N, C-alpha and C. Protein backbone atom coordinates (compact mmCIF):
# COMPACT_ATOMS: atom_id res chain seq x y z
N UNK A 1 -9.29 -5.95 -12.74
CA UNK A 1 -8.37 -5.14 -11.98
C UNK A 1 -7.29 -4.63 -12.92
N UNK A 2 -7.02 -3.32 -12.88
CA UNK A 2 -6.02 -2.71 -13.74
C UNK A 2 -4.61 -2.99 -13.27
N UNK A 3 -3.64 -2.63 -14.10
CA UNK A 3 -2.23 -2.88 -13.79
C UNK A 3 -1.81 -2.17 -12.51
N UNK A 4 -2.24 -0.90 -12.35
CA UNK A 4 -1.88 -0.14 -11.15
C UNK A 4 -2.38 -0.86 -9.90
N UNK A 5 -3.62 -1.29 -9.92
CA UNK A 5 -4.21 -1.97 -8.77
C UNK A 5 -3.51 -3.29 -8.49
N UNK A 6 -3.11 -4.00 -9.55
CA UNK A 6 -2.40 -5.27 -9.37
C UNK A 6 -1.05 -5.05 -8.70
N UNK A 7 -0.32 -4.02 -9.15
CA UNK A 7 0.98 -3.73 -8.56
C UNK A 7 0.82 -3.32 -7.10
N UNK A 8 -0.15 -2.47 -6.80
CA UNK A 8 -0.38 -2.03 -5.42
C UNK A 8 -0.76 -3.21 -4.53
N UNK A 9 -1.55 -4.13 -5.04
CA UNK A 9 -1.93 -5.31 -4.26
C UNK A 9 -0.70 -6.17 -3.97
N UNK A 10 0.17 -6.33 -4.95
CA UNK A 10 1.40 -7.10 -4.75
C UNK A 10 2.29 -6.43 -3.71
N UNK A 11 2.40 -5.11 -3.78
CA UNK A 11 3.20 -4.36 -2.81
C UNK A 11 2.63 -4.57 -1.41
N UNK A 12 1.34 -4.38 -1.28
CA UNK A 12 0.67 -4.53 0.02
C UNK A 12 0.87 -5.93 0.58
N UNK A 13 0.65 -6.95 -0.23
CA UNK A 13 0.78 -8.33 0.23
C UNK A 13 2.22 -8.66 0.62
N UNK A 14 3.18 -8.14 -0.12
CA UNK A 14 4.59 -8.39 0.20
C UNK A 14 4.99 -7.77 1.53
N UNK A 15 4.56 -6.54 1.74
CA UNK A 15 4.89 -5.86 3.00
C UNK A 15 4.21 -6.55 4.17
N UNK A 16 2.99 -6.99 3.97
CA UNK A 16 2.25 -7.65 5.05
C UNK A 16 2.87 -9.00 5.42
N UNK A 17 3.65 -9.60 4.52
CA UNK A 17 4.37 -10.83 4.87
C UNK A 17 5.37 -10.56 5.98
N UNK A 18 6.01 -9.41 5.91
CA UNK A 18 7.01 -9.03 6.91
C UNK A 18 6.35 -8.46 8.17
N UNK A 19 5.30 -7.66 7.98
CA UNK A 19 4.65 -7.00 9.11
C UNK A 19 3.15 -6.86 8.84
N UNK A 20 2.34 -7.78 9.35
CA UNK A 20 0.90 -7.74 9.08
C UNK A 20 0.21 -6.48 9.58
N UNK A 21 0.81 -5.77 10.53
CA UNK A 21 0.20 -4.57 11.10
C UNK A 21 0.73 -3.27 10.51
N UNK A 22 1.57 -3.37 9.51
CA UNK A 22 2.16 -2.16 8.93
C UNK A 22 1.10 -1.30 8.26
N UNK A 23 1.27 0.01 8.36
CA UNK A 23 0.46 0.94 7.59
C UNK A 23 1.24 1.21 6.31
N UNK A 24 0.57 1.10 5.17
CA UNK A 24 1.22 1.23 3.87
C UNK A 24 0.54 2.36 3.12
N UNK A 25 1.34 3.33 2.68
CA UNK A 25 0.78 4.52 2.04
C UNK A 25 1.51 4.79 0.73
N UNK A 26 0.74 4.92 -0.33
CA UNK A 26 1.27 5.38 -1.62
C UNK A 26 1.25 6.89 -1.59
N UNK A 27 2.37 7.52 -1.95
CA UNK A 27 2.42 8.98 -1.99
C UNK A 27 3.17 9.41 -3.24
N UNK A 28 3.26 10.70 -3.45
CA UNK A 28 4.00 11.21 -4.60
C UNK A 28 3.13 11.28 -5.84
N UNK A 29 3.79 11.29 -7.00
CA UNK A 29 3.09 11.52 -8.27
C UNK A 29 2.06 10.43 -8.59
N UNK A 30 2.33 9.20 -8.20
CA UNK A 30 1.34 8.14 -8.47
C UNK A 30 0.09 8.32 -7.62
N UNK A 31 0.23 8.81 -6.42
CA UNK A 31 -0.94 9.08 -5.57
C UNK A 31 -1.72 10.28 -6.10
N UNK A 32 -1.00 11.26 -6.62
CA UNK A 32 -1.65 12.46 -7.17
C UNK A 32 -2.25 12.21 -8.55
N UNK A 33 -1.81 11.15 -9.21
CA UNK A 33 -2.29 10.86 -10.56
C UNK A 33 -1.59 11.68 -11.63
N UNK A 34 -0.37 12.15 -11.32
CA UNK A 34 0.37 12.98 -12.27
C UNK A 34 1.61 12.28 -12.80
N UNK A 35 1.66 10.97 -12.69
CA UNK A 35 2.86 10.23 -13.10
C UNK A 35 2.72 9.70 -14.51
N UNK A 36 3.87 9.34 -15.06
CA UNK A 36 3.89 8.62 -16.33
C UNK A 36 4.33 7.19 -16.03
N UNK A 37 4.38 6.36 -17.04
CA UNK A 37 4.75 4.95 -16.85
C UNK A 37 6.15 4.80 -16.27
N UNK A 38 7.02 5.77 -16.50
CA UNK A 38 8.41 5.65 -16.08
C UNK A 38 8.65 6.13 -14.66
N UNK A 39 7.66 6.70 -14.00
CA UNK A 39 7.83 7.19 -12.64
C UNK A 39 7.86 6.02 -11.66
N UNK A 40 8.57 6.22 -10.55
CA UNK A 40 8.63 5.17 -9.54
C UNK A 40 7.38 5.18 -8.67
N UNK A 41 7.28 4.17 -7.84
CA UNK A 41 6.19 4.03 -6.88
C UNK A 41 6.75 4.43 -5.52
N UNK A 42 6.26 5.52 -4.95
CA UNK A 42 6.71 5.98 -3.64
C UNK A 42 5.82 5.36 -2.57
N UNK A 43 6.43 4.54 -1.73
CA UNK A 43 5.69 3.81 -0.71
C UNK A 43 6.27 4.15 0.66
N UNK A 44 5.39 4.54 1.57
CA UNK A 44 5.75 4.77 2.96
C UNK A 44 5.21 3.61 3.78
N UNK A 45 6.07 3.03 4.60
CA UNK A 45 5.66 1.93 5.48
C UNK A 45 5.87 2.39 6.92
N UNK A 46 4.80 2.34 7.69
CA UNK A 46 4.87 2.68 9.11
C UNK A 46 4.67 1.40 9.90
N UNK A 47 5.63 1.13 10.78
CA UNK A 47 5.63 -0.13 11.52
C UNK A 47 5.63 0.14 13.02
N UNK A 48 5.14 -0.82 13.77
CA UNK A 48 5.19 -0.74 15.23
C UNK A 48 6.59 -1.04 15.75
N UNK A 49 7.40 -1.64 14.91
CA UNK A 49 8.76 -2.01 15.30
C UNK A 49 9.62 -0.75 15.40
N UNK A 50 10.29 -0.58 16.53
CA UNK A 50 11.17 0.57 16.66
C UNK A 50 12.63 0.14 16.72
N UNK A 51 12.87 -1.08 17.16
CA UNK A 51 14.23 -1.60 17.20
C UNK A 51 14.59 -2.16 15.82
N UNK A 52 15.84 -2.00 15.45
CA UNK A 52 16.35 -2.54 14.18
C UNK A 52 15.55 -2.08 12.97
N UNK A 53 15.23 -0.80 12.92
CA UNK A 53 14.41 -0.28 11.81
C UNK A 53 15.14 -0.45 10.48
N UNK A 54 16.47 -0.36 10.48
CA UNK A 54 17.23 -0.54 9.23
C UNK A 54 17.10 -1.97 8.72
N UNK A 55 17.13 -2.92 9.63
CA UNK A 55 16.96 -4.33 9.23
C UNK A 55 15.55 -4.56 8.70
N UNK A 56 14.58 -3.97 9.36
CA UNK A 56 13.19 -4.08 8.90
C UNK A 56 13.04 -3.48 7.51
N UNK A 57 13.66 -2.32 7.29
CA UNK A 57 13.59 -1.67 5.98
C UNK A 57 14.23 -2.55 4.91
N UNK A 58 15.36 -3.16 5.22
CA UNK A 58 16.02 -4.07 4.27
C UNK A 58 15.12 -5.26 3.94
N UNK A 59 14.44 -5.79 4.94
CA UNK A 59 13.53 -6.92 4.70
C UNK A 59 12.40 -6.52 3.76
N UNK A 60 11.81 -5.35 3.98
CA UNK A 60 10.75 -4.88 3.08
C UNK A 60 11.28 -4.73 1.66
N UNK A 61 12.45 -4.15 1.53
CA UNK A 61 13.02 -3.94 0.19
C UNK A 61 13.32 -5.26 -0.50
N UNK A 62 13.76 -6.26 0.25
CA UNK A 62 14.00 -7.57 -0.35
C UNK A 62 12.72 -8.17 -0.91
N UNK A 63 11.63 -8.05 -0.16
CA UNK A 63 10.34 -8.54 -0.65
C UNK A 63 9.92 -7.79 -1.91
N UNK A 64 10.09 -6.48 -1.90
CA UNK A 64 9.63 -5.65 -3.02
C UNK A 64 10.52 -5.79 -4.25
N UNK A 65 11.75 -6.22 -4.07
CA UNK A 65 12.67 -6.38 -5.20
C UNK A 65 12.11 -7.37 -6.22
N UNK A 66 11.49 -8.43 -5.74
CA UNK A 66 10.89 -9.42 -6.64
C UNK A 66 9.80 -8.78 -7.50
N UNK A 67 9.04 -7.88 -6.92
CA UNK A 67 7.99 -7.18 -7.69
C UNK A 67 8.63 -6.27 -8.73
N UNK A 68 9.72 -5.61 -8.35
CA UNK A 68 10.43 -4.75 -9.31
C UNK A 68 10.91 -5.57 -10.51
N UNK A 69 11.47 -6.74 -10.25
CA UNK A 69 11.95 -7.60 -11.34
C UNK A 69 10.80 -8.08 -12.21
N UNK A 70 9.71 -8.46 -11.58
CA UNK A 70 8.55 -8.99 -12.29
C UNK A 70 7.87 -7.93 -13.16
N UNK A 71 7.77 -6.71 -12.64
CA UNK A 71 6.99 -5.67 -13.33
C UNK A 71 7.83 -4.67 -14.10
N UNK A 72 9.13 -4.62 -13.81
CA UNK A 72 9.98 -3.60 -14.43
C UNK A 72 9.75 -2.21 -13.86
N UNK A 73 9.08 -2.13 -12.72
CA UNK A 73 8.78 -0.86 -12.07
C UNK A 73 9.72 -0.65 -10.88
N UNK A 74 10.07 0.59 -10.61
CA UNK A 74 10.92 0.93 -9.47
C UNK A 74 10.03 1.28 -8.29
N UNK A 75 10.32 0.66 -7.14
CA UNK A 75 9.55 0.93 -5.93
C UNK A 75 10.49 1.58 -4.92
N UNK A 76 10.22 2.83 -4.58
CA UNK A 76 11.01 3.57 -3.60
C UNK A 76 10.29 3.49 -2.26
N UNK A 77 10.98 2.97 -1.26
CA UNK A 77 10.34 2.70 0.02
C UNK A 77 11.00 3.48 1.15
N UNK A 78 10.19 4.13 1.95
CA UNK A 78 10.63 4.72 3.21
C UNK A 78 9.96 3.96 4.33
N UNK A 79 10.73 3.63 5.37
CA UNK A 79 10.19 2.89 6.50
C UNK A 79 10.50 3.65 7.78
N UNK A 80 9.47 3.91 8.57
CA UNK A 80 9.62 4.57 9.86
C UNK A 80 8.76 3.84 10.88
N UNK A 81 9.17 3.95 12.14
CA UNK A 81 8.28 3.47 13.19
C UNK A 81 7.11 4.45 13.27
N UNK A 82 5.96 3.94 13.65
CA UNK A 82 4.78 4.81 13.77
C UNK A 82 5.02 5.92 14.78
N UNK A 83 5.72 5.58 15.85
CA UNK A 83 6.01 6.57 16.89
C UNK A 83 6.89 7.70 16.34
N UNK A 84 7.95 7.35 15.62
CA UNK A 84 8.85 8.35 15.04
C UNK A 84 8.10 9.22 14.03
N UNK A 85 7.29 8.59 13.20
CA UNK A 85 6.52 9.31 12.18
C UNK A 85 5.56 10.32 12.81
N UNK A 86 4.82 9.87 13.81
CA UNK A 86 3.77 10.70 14.40
C UNK A 86 4.28 11.73 15.40
N UNK A 87 5.52 11.61 15.83
CA UNK A 87 6.05 12.56 16.80
C UNK A 87 7.20 13.40 16.24
N UNK A 88 8.24 12.74 15.80
CA UNK A 88 9.44 13.45 15.35
C UNK A 88 9.22 14.10 13.98
N UNK A 89 8.60 13.39 13.07
CA UNK A 89 8.45 13.89 11.69
C UNK A 89 7.14 14.65 11.46
N UNK A 90 6.36 14.83 12.48
CA UNK A 90 5.01 15.39 12.34
C UNK A 90 4.97 16.74 11.63
N UNK A 91 6.00 17.53 11.74
CA UNK A 91 5.99 18.86 11.13
C UNK A 91 6.89 18.96 9.90
N UNK A 92 7.32 17.82 9.40
CA UNK A 92 8.18 17.82 8.21
C UNK A 92 7.33 17.98 6.95
N UNK A 93 7.96 18.44 5.88
CA UNK A 93 7.23 18.59 4.61
C UNK A 93 6.77 17.23 4.09
N UNK A 94 7.55 16.19 4.31
CA UNK A 94 7.14 14.85 3.89
C UNK A 94 5.85 14.43 4.60
N UNK A 95 5.81 14.63 5.90
CA UNK A 95 4.62 14.27 6.68
C UNK A 95 3.39 15.02 6.16
N UNK A 96 3.55 16.30 5.92
CA UNK A 96 2.43 17.13 5.44
C UNK A 96 1.98 16.66 4.06
N UNK A 97 2.93 16.40 3.15
CA UNK A 97 2.57 15.93 1.81
C UNK A 97 1.86 14.58 1.85
N UNK A 98 2.39 13.66 2.63
CA UNK A 98 1.77 12.33 2.72
C UNK A 98 0.38 12.44 3.35
N UNK A 99 0.25 13.28 4.36
CA UNK A 99 -1.06 13.46 5.00
C UNK A 99 -2.09 14.03 4.03
N UNK A 100 -1.65 14.94 3.17
CA UNK A 100 -2.57 15.59 2.23
C UNK A 100 -2.86 14.76 0.99
N UNK A 101 -1.87 14.02 0.50
CA UNK A 101 -1.99 13.37 -0.80
C UNK A 101 -1.89 11.85 -0.77
N UNK A 102 -1.45 11.30 0.36
CA UNK A 102 -1.21 9.87 0.42
C UNK A 102 -2.47 9.03 0.33
N UNK A 103 -2.31 7.83 -0.20
CA UNK A 103 -3.41 6.87 -0.32
C UNK A 103 -3.03 5.63 0.49
N UNK A 104 -3.82 5.34 1.51
CA UNK A 104 -3.57 4.15 2.32
C UNK A 104 -3.95 2.90 1.55
N UNK A 105 -3.07 1.91 1.61
CA UNK A 105 -3.33 0.64 0.91
C UNK A 105 -3.89 -0.38 1.89
């Protein structure tokens, strides 16, 4: 298993500790394959939780911080409820880009 796959597996496992049903999507330059070693990892997390989404986002970031320290890589995380993502953000440029280029983990 390569370094990229190892990091993605760690990200996936960390997020699943907080929410086993979360949808996890890699997007951006790493998903497109146009990144360099110094680029961050853009991760979208879609959760069934709609209450306290900010607290949920903080929890995900706390889990991922350990991976950042271990690997020296920056992980940028966006967290939305699945309902908000699929209804409110459906016509946003982010939604379109993630739909076209995102890789589900």
